[in-house]
Protein backbone atom coordinates (compact mmCIF):
# COMPACT_ATOMS: atom_id res chain seq x y z
CA MET A 1 6.30 -0.89 -8.68
CA VAL A 2 3.22 0.32 -6.84
CA LEU A 3 3.29 -0.30 -3.10
CA PRO A 4 0.20 -0.46 -0.90
CA PRO A 5 -0.41 2.41 1.52
CA LYS A 6 1.56 2.55 4.76
CA LEU A 7 -0.11 1.14 7.87
CA GLU A 8 0.48 2.13 11.47
CA LEU A 9 2.08 -0.95 12.98
CA SER A 10 0.09 -3.02 15.41
CA SER A 11 -0.30 -6.75 15.85
CA GLU A 12 -3.86 -6.52 14.50
CA LYS A 13 -2.51 -5.38 11.12
CA LEU A 14 -0.23 -8.42 10.65
CA ASP A 15 -2.28 -11.02 8.80
CA ARG A 16 -1.00 -14.64 8.66
CA ARG A 17 -1.74 -14.58 4.90
CA GLY A 18 0.37 -11.49 4.21
CA VAL A 19 3.92 -10.33 3.62
CA PHE A 20 4.88 -7.05 5.28
CA LEU A 21 7.92 -4.81 4.98
CA LEU A 22 8.51 -3.12 8.33
CA SER A 23 10.82 -0.15 8.90
CA ASP A 24 11.87 1.62 12.08
CA SER A 25 14.01 4.19 10.19
CA HIS A 26 17.16 2.22 11.06
CA SER A 27 16.39 -1.31 9.88
CA LEU A 28 14.07 -3.10 7.49
CA TYR A 29 12.30 -6.30 8.48
CA LEU A 30 10.39 -8.65 6.23
CA TRP A 31 7.55 -10.37 8.08
CA VAL A 32 6.06 -13.36 6.25
CA GLY A 33 2.91 -14.88 7.66
CA ASN A 34 2.71 -18.64 8.04
CA ALA A 35 -0.39 -18.87 5.80
CA VAL A 36 0.96 -16.99 2.76
CA ALA A 37 -0.26 -18.45 -0.53
CA PRO A 38 2.30 -20.72 -2.22
CA GLU A 39 1.98 -18.68 -5.43
CA ALA A 40 3.01 -15.52 -3.56
CA LEU A 41 6.02 -17.35 -2.10
CA ARG A 42 7.00 -18.56 -5.59
CA CYS A 43 6.70 -15.07 -7.12
CA LEU A 44 8.47 -13.23 -4.32
CA PHE A 45 11.11 -15.71 -3.18
CA GLY A 46 11.24 -18.61 -5.65
CA ILE A 47 10.13 -21.13 -3.03
CA SER A 48 6.93 -23.16 -2.68
CA GLY A 49 6.73 -23.30 1.12
CA LEU A 50 8.12 -21.72 4.27
CA ASN A 51 9.75 -25.04 5.13
CA GLU A 52 12.35 -24.16 2.45
CA VAL A 53 13.56 -21.14 4.46
CA ASP A 54 16.60 -21.41 6.71
CA SER A 55 15.53 -19.29 9.68
CA ASN A 56 19.18 -19.01 10.76
CA SER A 57 20.22 -17.34 7.51
CA SER A 58 20.45 -13.57 7.20
CA GLN A 59 20.81 -13.67 3.41
CA VAL A 60 18.06 -12.91 0.93
CA ARG A 61 17.93 -15.03 -2.18
CA THR A 62 17.91 -13.45 -5.62
CA ASN A 63 14.49 -13.01 -7.19
CA ALA A 64 13.71 -15.49 -10.00
CA ARG A 65 13.32 -12.60 -12.50
CA GLU A 66 16.87 -11.48 -11.77
CA ARG A 67 18.18 -15.01 -12.35
CA GLY A 68 16.80 -14.97 -15.90
CA ARG A 69 14.17 -17.66 -15.29
């Protein structure tokens, strides 16, 4: 898997259309913008919209490829 280059974190770098993996050397955070393309949500998380996410859950769902599609 090829990852994009690292960015210095600032609010200007977080685009509503993007998905960002943030690290502070102790924790990882996944920031998902509210305007991410539905196709990206389907590929990454197996959902078609952010309304399918339980914001109170701390669990990450298994990727569709791992489930055997």
